[in-house]
Amino acid sequence: VDFTDQERALVERLSRIVVRRRLAAPALMALESARPLSFIGSQFLAFFGPLLNMAFSKSETDLLIRLLERRHSLDLVIDTINRQEDERIG
């Protein structure tokens, strides 16, 4: 699955926020359990977009929502969080 550079950069940024706050384990558990509902989850994010806009710009929030509508996008997010958490631990 191909992701744009902009999508990959956004996932990197989101993952950094999660890992920096030491929330990798709960985030990964939530993402894995929500995998069958990823499209519904993206619509849930659309509803709570104003909250996301506190950490991301409107265009980044829209991009994140569109990204999560795609089937394999959760794999990218999960893999990126895992990689960054491994780097943090050393």
PDB file of N, CA and C in Angstrom:
ATOM      1  N   VAL A   1       0.857  -1.176   0.000  1.00  0.00           N
ATOM      2  CA  VAL A   1       0.000   0.000   0.000  1.00  0.00           C
ATOM      3  C   VAL A   1       0.895   1.229   0.000  1.00  0.00           C
ATOM      4  N   ASP A   2       0.585   2.167  -0.873  1.00  0.00           N
ATOM      5  CA  ASP A   2       1.368   3.387  -0.974  1.00  0.00           C
ATOM      6  C   ASP A   2       0.744   4.498  -0.153  1.00  0.00           C
ATOM      7  N   PHE A   3       1.584   5.166   0.611  1.00  0.00           N
ATOM      8  CA  PHE A   3       1.170   6.336   1.370  1.00  0.00           C
ATOM      9  C   PHE A   3       2.001   7.510   0.884  1.00  0.00           C
ATOM     10  N   THR A   4       1.407   8.685   0.884  1.00  0.00           N
ATOM     11  CA  THR A   4       2.129   9.872   0.447  1.00  0.00           C
ATOM     12  C   THR A   4       3.137  10.277   1.519  1.00  0.00           C
ATOM     13  N   ASP A   5       4.098  11.102   1.118  1.00  0.00           N
ATOM     14  CA  ASP A   5       5.070  11.620   2.083  1.00  0.00           C
ATOM     15  C   ASP A   5       4.371  12.415   3.176  1.00  0.00           C
ATOM     16  N   GLN A   6       3.337  13.135   2.795  1.00  0.00           N
ATOM     17  CA  GLN A   6       2.577  13.931   3.755  1.00  0.00           C
ATOM     18  C   GLN A   6       1.872  13.023   4.773  1.00  0.00           C
ATOM     19  N   GLU A   7       1.310  11.930   4.308  1.00  0.00           N
ATOM     20  CA  GLU A   7       0.647  10.980   5.211  1.00  0.00           C
ATOM     21  C   GLU A   7       1.655  10.337   6.157  1.00  0.00           C
ATOM     22  N   ARG A   8       2.791   9.936   5.610  1.00  0.00           N
ATOM     23  CA  ARG A   8       3.826   9.319   6.450  1.00  0.00           C
ATOM     24  C   ARG A   8       4.347  10.306   7.495  1.00  0.00           C
ATOM     25  N   ALA A   9       4.537  11.560   7.101  1.00  0.00           N
ATOM     26  CA  ALA A   9       5.012  12.584   8.042  1.00  0.00           C
ATOM     27  C   ALA A   9       4.000  12.806   9.158  1.00  0.00           C
ATOM     28  N   LEU A  10       2.727  12.801   8.820  1.00  0.00           N
ATOM     29  CA  LEU A  10       1.685  12.981   9.824  1.00  0.00           C
ATOM     30  C   LEU A  10       1.661  11.803  10.798  1.00  0.00           C
ATOM     31  N   VAL A  11       1.800  10.596  10.292  1.00  0.00           N
ATOM     32  CA  VAL A  11       1.830   9.411  11.154  1.00  0.00           C
ATOM     33  C   VAL A  11       3.068   9.450  12.054  1.00  0.00           C
ATOM     34  N   GLU A  12       4.199   9.885  11.517  1.00  0.00           N
ATOM     35  CA  GLU A  12       5.412  10.027  12.331  1.00  0.00           C
ATOM     36  C   GLU A  12       5.170  11.011  13.471  1.00  0.00           C
ATOM     37  N   ARG A  13       4.539  12.124  13.156  1.00  0.00           N
ATOM     38  CA  ARG A  13       4.269  13.148  14.175  1.00  0.00           C
ATOM     39  C   ARG A  13       3.301  12.621  15.235  1.00  0.00           C
ATOM     40  N   LEU A  14       2.236  11.991  14.800  1.00  0.00           N
ATOM     41  CA  LEU A  14       1.264  11.414  15.728  1.00  0.00           C
ATOM     42  C   LEU A  14       1.939  10.377  16.628  1.00  0.00           C
ATOM     43  N   SER A  15       2.765   9.536  16.046  1.00  0.00           N
ATOM     44  CA  SER A  15       3.459   8.501  16.810  1.00  0.00           C
ATOM     45  C   SER A  15       4.426   9.108  17.819  1.00  0.00           C
ATOM     46  N   ARG A  16       5.122  10.176  17.427  1.00  0.00           N
ATOM     47  CA  ARG A  16       6.030  10.851  18.360  1.00  0.00           C
ATOM     48  C   ARG A  16       5.281  11.377  19.575  1.00  0.00           C
ATOM     49  N   ILE A  17       4.099  11.943  19.332  1.00  0.00           N
ATOM     50  CA  ILE A  17       3.283  12.457  20.438  1.00  0.00           C
ATOM     51  C   ILE A  17       2.912  11.320  21.383  1.00  0.00           C
ATOM     52  N   VAL A  18       2.483  10.200  20.825  1.00  0.00           N
ATOM     53  CA  VAL A  18       2.083   9.043  21.634  1.00  0.00           C
ATOM     54  C   VAL A  18       3.273   8.504  22.428  1.00  0.00           C
ATOM     55  N   VAL A  19       4.397   8.306  21.770  1.00  0.00           N
ATOM     56  CA  VAL A  19       5.575   7.716  22.414  1.00  0.00           C
ATOM     57  C   VAL A  19       6.158   8.674  23.449  1.00  0.00           C
ATOM     58  N   ARG A  20       6.212   9.955  23.135  1.00  0.00           N
ATOM     59  CA  ARG A  20       6.757  10.943  24.069  1.00  0.00           C
ATOM     60  C   ARG A  20       5.963  10.968  25.374  1.00  0.00           C
ATOM     61  N   ARG A  21       4.678  10.745  25.282  1.00  0.00           N
ATOM     62  CA  ARG A  21       3.825  10.746  26.470  1.00  0.00           C
ATOM     63  C   ARG A  21       3.743   9.363  27.130  1.00  0.00           C
ATOM     64  N   ARG A  22       4.551   8.433  26.614  1.00  0.00           N
ATOM     65  CA  ARG A  22       4.610   7.067  27.149  1.00  0.00           C
ATOM     66  C   ARG A  22       3.251   6.371  27.105  1.00  0.00           C
ATOM     67  N   LEU A  23       2.549   6.581  25.997  1.00  0.00           N
ATOM     68  CA  LEU A  23       1.231   5.977  25.811  1.00  0.00           C
ATOM     69  C   LEU A  23       1.231   4.912  24.718  1.00  0.00           C
ATOM     70  N   ALA A  24       2.413   4.414  24.375  1.00  0.00           N
ATOM     71  CA  ALA A  24       2.501   3.451  23.274  1.00  0.00           C
ATOM     72  C   ALA A  24       1.675   2.197  23.553  1.00  0.00           C
ATOM     73  N   ALA A  25       1.815   1.618  24.740  1.00  0.00           N
ATOM     74  CA  ALA A  25       1.101   0.366  25.038  1.00  0.00           C
ATOM     75  C   ALA A  25      -0.416   0.543  24.967  1.00  0.00           C
ATOM     76  N   PRO A  26      -0.999   1.546  25.649  1.00  0.00           N
ATOM     77  CA  PRO A  26      -2.456   1.687  25.535  1.00  0.00           C
ATOM     78  C   PRO A  26      -2.903   2.066  24.122  1.00  0.00           C
ATOM     79  N   ALA A  27      -2.090   2.864  23.429  1.00  0.00           N
ATOM     80  CA  ALA A  27      -2.458   3.246  22.061  1.00  0.00           C
ATOM     81  C   ALA A  27      -2.455   2.026  21.148  1.00  0.00           C
ATOM     82  N   LEU A  28      -1.434   1.190  21.276  1.00  0.00           N
ATOM     83  CA  LEU A  28      -1.356  -0.012  20.442  1.00  0.00           C
ATOM     84  C   LEU A  28      -2.502  -0.968  20.746  1.00  0.00           C
ATOM     85  N   MET A  29      -2.832  -1.111  22.023  1.00  0.00           N
ATOM     86  CA  MET A  29      -3.945  -1.985  22.393  1.00  0.00           C
ATOM     87  C   MET A  29      -5.255  -1.453  21.804  1.00  0.00           C
ATOM     88  N   ALA A  30      -5.460  -0.154  21.888  1.00  0.00           N
ATOM     89  CA  ALA A  30      -6.681   0.441  21.340  1.00  0.00           C
ATOM     90  C   ALA A  30      -6.726   0.294  19.820  1.00  0.00           C
ATOM     91  N   LEU A  31      -5.596   0.533  19.162  1.00  0.00           N
ATOM     92  CA  LEU A  31      -5.562   0.420  17.699  1.00  0.00           C
ATOM     93  C   LEU A  31      -5.807  -1.015  17.241  1.00  0.00           C
ATOM     94  N   GLU A  32      -5.188  -1.971  17.921  1.00  0.00           N
ATOM     95  CA  GLU A  32      -5.382  -3.379  17.546  1.00  0.00           C
ATOM     96  C   GLU A  32      -6.828  -3.812  17.760  1.00  0.00           C
ATOM     97  N   SER A  33      -7.424  -3.378  18.855  1.00  0.00           N
ATOM     98  CA  SER A  33      -8.805  -3.789  19.122  1.00  0.00           C
ATOM     99  C   SER A  33      -9.791  -3.074  18.206  1.00  0.00           C
ATOM    100  N   ALA A  34      -9.420  -1.902  17.714  1.00  0.00           N
ATOM    101  CA  ALA A  34     -10.316  -1.136  16.846  1.00  0.00           C
ATOM    102  C   ALA A  34     -10.109  -1.447  15.366  1.00  0.00           C
ATOM    103  N   ARG A  35      -9.152  -2.310  15.065  1.00  0.00           N
ATOM    104  CA  ARG A  35      -8.829  -2.593  13.659  1.00  0.00           C
ATOM    105  C   ARG A  35     -10.062  -2.936  12.815  1.00  0.00           C
ATOM    106  N   PRO A  36     -10.967  -3.803  13.275  1.00  0.00           N
ATOM    107  CA  PRO A  36     -12.137  -4.120  12.436  1.00  0.00           C
ATOM    108  C   PRO A  36     -13.074  -2.925  12.231  1.00  0.00           C
ATOM    109  N   LEU A  37     -12.935  -1.918  13.062  1.00  0.00           N
ATOM    110  CA  LEU A  37     -13.835  -0.765  12.994  1.00  0.00           C
ATOM    111  C   LEU A  37     -13.118   0.496  12.536  1.00  0.00           C
ATOM    112  N   SER A  38     -12.030   0.356  11.795  1.00  0.00           N
ATOM    113  CA  SER A  38     -11.213   1.526  11.467  1.00  0.00           C
ATOM    114  C   SER A  38     -11.984   2.591  10.698  1.00  0.00           C
ATOM    115  N   PHE A  39     -12.865   2.190   9.787  1.00  0.00           N
ATOM    116  CA  PHE A  39     -13.633   3.198   9.049  1.00  0.00           C
ATOM    117  C   PHE A  39     -14.557   3.958   9.996  1.00  0.00           C
ATOM    118  N   ILE A  40     -15.223   3.224  10.878  1.00  0.00           N
ATOM    119  CA  ILE A  40     -16.108   3.878  11.847  1.00  0.00           C
ATOM    120  C   ILE A  40     -15.287   4.781  12.759  1.00  0.00           C
ATOM    121  N   GLY A  41     -14.102   4.321  13.118  1.00  0.00           N
ATOM    122  CA  GLY A  41     -13.214   5.138  13.947  1.00  0.00           C
ATOM    123  C   GLY A  41     -12.830   6.434  13.270  1.00  0.00           C
ATOM    124  N   SER A  42     -12.604   6.382  11.968  1.00  0.00           N
ATOM    125  CA  SER A  42     -12.265   7.612  11.249  1.00  0.00           C
ATOM    126  C   SER A  42     -13.437   8.582  11.264  1.00  0.00           C
ATOM    127  N   GLN A  43     -14.646   8.061  11.195  1.00  0.00           N
ATOM    128  CA  GLN A  43     -15.823   8.928  11.259  1.00  0.00           C
ATOM    129  C   GLN A  43     -15.995   9.504  12.664  1.00  0.00           C
ATOM    130  N   PHE A  44     -15.628   8.722  13.672  1.00  0.00           N
ATOM    131  CA  PHE A  44     -15.641   9.193  15.056  1.00  0.00           C
ATOM    132  C   PHE A  44     -14.662  10.357  15.207  1.00  0.00           C
ATOM    133  N   LEU A  45     -13.477  10.223  14.580  1.00  0.00           N
ATOM    134  CA  LEU A  45     -12.498  11.308  14.614  1.00  0.00           C
ATOM    135  C   LEU A  45     -13.038  12.553  13.929  1.00  0.00           C
ATOM    136  N   ALA A  46     -13.788  12.368  12.868  1.00  0.00           N
ATOM    137  CA  ALA A  46     -14.373  13.519  12.175  1.00  0.00           C
ATOM    138  C   ALA A  46     -15.307  14.276  13.110  1.00  0.00           C
ATOM    139  N   PHE A  47     -16.046  13.542  13.921  1.00  0.00           N
ATOM    140  CA  PHE A  47     -16.963  14.164  14.876  1.00  0.00           C
ATOM    141  C   PHE A  47     -16.192  14.960  15.929  1.00  0.00           C
ATOM    142  N   PHE A  48     -15.058  14.404  16.371  1.00  0.00           N
ATOM    143  CA  PHE A  48     -14.253  15.062  17.394  1.00  0.00           C
ATOM    144  C   PHE A  48     -13.102  15.869  16.800  1.00  0.00           C
ATOM    145  N   GLY A  49     -13.210  16.227  15.538  1.00  0.00           N
ATOM    146  CA  GLY A  49     -12.190  17.009  14.859  1.00  0.00           C
ATOM    147  C   GLY A  49     -11.741  18.245  15.608  1.00  0.00           C
ATOM    148  N   PRO A  50     -12.664  19.004  16.193  1.00  0.00           N
ATOM    149  CA  PRO A  50     -12.222  20.199  16.922  1.00  0.00           C
ATOM    150  C   PRO A  50     -11.228  19.895  18.050  1.00  0.00           C
ATOM    151  N   LEU A  51     -11.352  18.745  18.688  1.00  0.00           N
ATOM    152  CA  LEU A  51     -10.378  18.384  19.722  1.00  0.00           C
ATOM    153  C   LEU A  51      -9.018  18.066  19.106  1.00  0.00           C
ATOM    154  N   LEU A  52      -9.034  17.391  17.972  1.00  0.00           N
ATOM    155  CA  LEU A  52      -7.775  17.089  17.285  1.00  0.00           C
ATOM    156  C   LEU A  52      -7.090  18.358  16.808  1.00  0.00           C
ATOM    157  N   ASN A  53      -7.884  19.376  16.511  1.00  0.00           N
ATOM    158  CA  ASN A  53      -7.313  20.626  16.025  1.00  0.00           C
ATOM    159  C   ASN A  53      -6.490  21.338  17.090  1.00  0.00           C
ATOM    160  N   MET A  54      -6.554  20.868  18.325  1.00  0.00           N
ATOM    161  CA  MET A  54      -5.692  21.432  19.364  1.00  0.00           C
ATOM    162  C   MET A  54      -4.253  20.963  19.169  1.00  0.00           C
ATOM    163  N   ALA A  55      -4.051  19.813  18.567  1.00  0.00           N
ATOM    164  CA  ALA A  55      -2.712  19.270  18.344  1.00  0.00           C
ATOM    165  C   ALA A  55      -2.295  19.325  16.879  1.00  0.00           C
ATOM    166  N   PHE A  56      -3.277  19.353  15.984  1.00  0.00           N
ATOM    167  CA  PHE A  56      -3.004  19.326  14.552  1.00  0.00           C
ATOM    168  C   PHE A  56      -3.769  20.447  13.865  1.00  0.00           C
ATOM    169  N   SER A  57      -3.271  20.861  12.721  1.00  0.00           N
ATOM    170  CA  SER A  57      -3.994  21.861  11.934  1.00  0.00           C
ATOM    171  C   SER A  57      -5.244  21.216  11.334  1.00  0.00           C
ATOM    172  N   LYS A  58      -6.141  22.031  10.853  1.00  0.00           N
ATOM    173  CA  LYS A  58      -7.374  21.522  10.223  1.00  0.00           C
ATOM    174  C   LYS A  58      -7.031  20.610   9.047  1.00  0.00           C
ATOM    175  N   SER A  59      -6.069  21.017   8.233  1.00  0.00           N
ATOM    176  CA  SER A  59      -5.710  20.190   7.070  1.00  0.00           C
ATOM    177  C   SER A  59      -5.083  18.866   7.510  1.00  0.00           C
ATOM    178  N   GLU A  60      -4.297  18.883   8.600  1.00  0.00           N
ATOM    179  CA  GLU A  60      -3.719  17.632   9.101  1.00  0.00           C
ATOM    180  C   GLU A  60      -4.802  16.726   9.681  1.00  0.00           C
ATOM    181  N   THR A  61      -5.763  17.316  10.376  1.00  0.00           N
ATOM    182  CA  THR A  61      -6.876  16.528  10.918  1.00  0.00           C
ATOM    183  C   THR A  61      -7.659  15.876   9.788  1.00  0.00           C
ATOM    184  N   ASP A  62      -7.950  16.640   8.746  1.00  0.00           N
ATOM    185  CA  ASP A  62      -8.669  16.085   7.594  1.00  0.00           C
ATOM    186  C   ASP A  62      -7.869  14.965   6.934  1.00  0.00           C
ATOM    187  N   LEU A  63      -6.558  15.168   6.813  1.00  0.00           N
ATOM    188  CA  LEU A  63      -5.697  14.144   6.216  1.00  0.00           C
ATOM    189  C   LEU A  63      -5.692  12.879   7.074  1.00  0.00           C
ATOM    190  N   LEU A  64      -5.626  13.041   8.391  1.00  0.00           N
ATOM    191  CA  LEU A  64      -5.640  11.890   9.291  1.00  0.00           C
ATOM    192  C   LEU A  64      -6.944  11.109   9.155  1.00  0.00           C
ATOM    193  N   ILE A  65      -8.048  11.816   9.071  1.00  0.00           N
ATOM    194  CA  ILE A  65      -9.350  11.154   8.918  1.00  0.00           C
ATOM    195  C   ILE A  65      -9.405  10.379   7.605  1.00  0.00           C
ATOM    196  N   ARG A  66      -8.966  11.001   6.515  1.00  0.00           N
ATOM    197  CA  ARG A  66      -8.962  10.309   5.214  1.00  0.00           C
ATOM    198  C   ARG A  66      -8.012   9.110   5.234  1.00  0.00           C
ATOM    199  N   LEU A  67      -6.879   9.286   5.900  1.00  0.00           N
ATOM    200  CA  LEU A  67      -5.902   8.201   5.983  1.00  0.00           C
ATOM    201  C   LEU A  67      -6.489   6.995   6.714  1.00  0.00           C
ATOM    202  N   LEU A  68      -7.164   7.233   7.824  1.00  0.00           N
ATOM    203  CA  LEU A  68      -7.700   6.130   8.624  1.00  0.00           C
ATOM    204  C   LEU A  68      -8.894   5.449   7.970  1.00  0.00           C
ATOM    205  N   GLU A  69      -9.456   6.066   6.948  1.00  0.00           N
ATOM    206  CA  GLU A  69     -10.532   5.411   6.193  1.00  0.00           C
ATOM    207  C   GLU A  69      -9.988   4.283   5.323  1.00  0.00           C
ATOM    208  N   ARG A  70      -8.692   4.307   5.057  1.00  0.00           N
ATOM    209  CA  ARG A  70      -8.072   3.292   4.208  1.00  0.00           C
ATOM    210  C   ARG A  70      -7.715   2.061   5.036  1.00  0.00           C
ATOM    211  N   ARG A  71      -7.910   0.918   4.441  1.00  0.00           N
ATOM    212  CA  ARG A  71      -7.813  -0.368   5.136  1.00  0.00           C
ATOM    213  C   ARG A  71      -6.471  -0.597   5.836  1.00  0.00           C
ATOM    214  N   HIS A  72      -5.365  -0.344   5.192  1.00  0.00           N
ATOM    215  CA  HIS A  72      -4.060  -0.708   5.754  1.00  0.00           C
ATOM    216  C   HIS A  72      -3.379   0.433   6.499  1.00  0.00           C
ATOM    217  N   SER A  73      -4.083   1.505   6.716  1.00  0.00           N
ATOM    218  CA  SER A  73      -3.456   2.644   7.385  1.00  0.00           C
ATOM    219  C   SER A  73      -3.135   2.350   8.847  1.00  0.00           C
ATOM    220  N   LEU A  74      -3.952   1.538   9.503  1.00  0.00           N
ATOM    221  CA  LEU A  74      -3.655   1.203  10.900  1.00  0.00           C
ATOM    222  C   LEU A  74      -2.341   0.442  11.015  1.00  0.00           C
ATOM    223  N   ASP A  75      -2.014  -0.363  10.014  1.00  0.00           N
ATOM    224  CA  ASP A  75      -0.726  -1.062  10.022  1.00  0.00           C
ATOM    225  C   ASP A  75       0.415  -0.055  10.049  1.00  0.00           C
ATOM    226  N   LEU A  76       0.308   0.997   9.255  1.00  0.00           N
ATOM    227  CA  LEU A  76       1.337   2.031   9.224  1.00  0.00           C
ATOM    228  C   LEU A  76       1.459   2.703  10.587  1.00  0.00           C
ATOM    229  N   VAL A  77       0.339   3.058  11.186  1.00  0.00           N
ATOM    230  CA  VAL A  77       0.355   3.729  12.490  1.00  0.00           C
ATOM    231  C   VAL A  77       0.951   2.800  13.551  1.00  0.00           C
ATOM    232  N   ILE A  78       0.504   1.564  13.589  1.00  0.00           N
ATOM    233  CA  ILE A  78       0.992   0.596  14.582  1.00  0.00           C
ATOM    234  C   ILE A  78       2.484   0.342  14.399  1.00  0.00           C
ATOM    235  N   ASP A  79       2.919   0.124  13.171  1.00  0.00           N
ATOM    236  CA  ASP A  79       4.339  -0.127  12.906  1.00  0.00           C
ATOM    237  C   ASP A  79       5.195   1.074  13.298  1.00  0.00           C
ATOM    238  N   THR A  80       4.699   2.274  13.035  1.00  0.00           N
ATOM    239  CA  THR A  80       5.457   3.479  13.354  1.00  0.00           C
ATOM    240  C   THR A  80       5.562   3.676  14.863  1.00  0.00           C
ATOM    241  N   ILE A  81       4.476   3.459  15.581  1.00  0.00           N
ATOM    242  CA  ILE A  81       4.527   3.565  17.043  1.00  0.00           C
ATOM    243  C   ILE A  81       5.486   2.519  17.606  1.00  0.00           C
ATOM    244  N   ASN A  82       5.399   1.285  17.119  1.00  0.00           N
ATOM    245  CA  ASN A  82       6.308   0.228  17.589  1.00  0.00           C
ATOM    246  C   ASN A  82       7.765   0.596  17.343  1.00  0.00           C
ATOM    247  N   ARG A  83       8.067   1.095  16.160  1.00  0.00           N
ATOM    248  CA  ARG A  83       9.448   1.461  15.822  1.00  0.00           C
ATOM    249  C   ARG A  83       9.951   2.578  16.726  1.00  0.00           C
ATOM    250  N   GLN A  84       9.128   3.616  16.899  1.00  0.00           N
ATOM    251  CA  GLN A  84       9.558   4.738  17.728  1.00  0.00           C
ATOM    252  C   GLN A  84       9.687   4.343  19.197  1.00  0.00           C
ATOM    253  N   GLU A  85       8.825   3.471  19.666  1.00  0.00           N
ATOM    254  CA  GLU A  85       8.923   2.989  21.052  1.00  0.00           C
ATOM    255  C   GLU A  85      10.192   2.161  21.226  1.00  0.00           C
ATOM    256  N   ASP A  86      10.524   1.318  20.252  1.00  0.00           N
ATOM    257  CA  ASP A  86      11.767   0.541  20.312  1.00  0.00           C
ATOM    258  C   ASP A  86      12.980   1.466  20.334  1.00  0.00           C
ATOM    259  N   GLU A  87      12.944   2.537  19.533  1.00  0.00           N
ATOM    260  CA  GLU A  87      14.045   3.502  19.519  1.00  0.00           C
ATOM    261  C   GLU A  87      14.152   4.220  20.862  1.00  0.00           C
ATOM    262  N   ARG A  88      13.022   4.520  21.477  1.00  0.00           N
ATOM    263  CA  ARG A  88      13.027   5.214  22.766  1.00  0.00           C
ATOM    264  C   ARG A  88      13.647   4.336  23.847  1.00  0.00           C
ATOM    265  N   ILE A  89      13.279   3.061  23.825  1.00  0.00           N
ATOM    266  CA  ILE A  89      13.786   2.132  24.835  1.00  0.00           C
ATOM    267  C   ILE A  89      15.269   1.846  24.616  1.00  0.00           C
ATOM    268  N   GLY A  90      15.647   1.816  23.341  1.00  0.00           N
ATOM    269  CA  GLY A  90      17.050   1.610  23.007  1.00  0.00           C
ATOM    270  C   GLY A  90      17.336   0.202  22.762  1.00  0.00           C
TER     271      GLY A  90
END
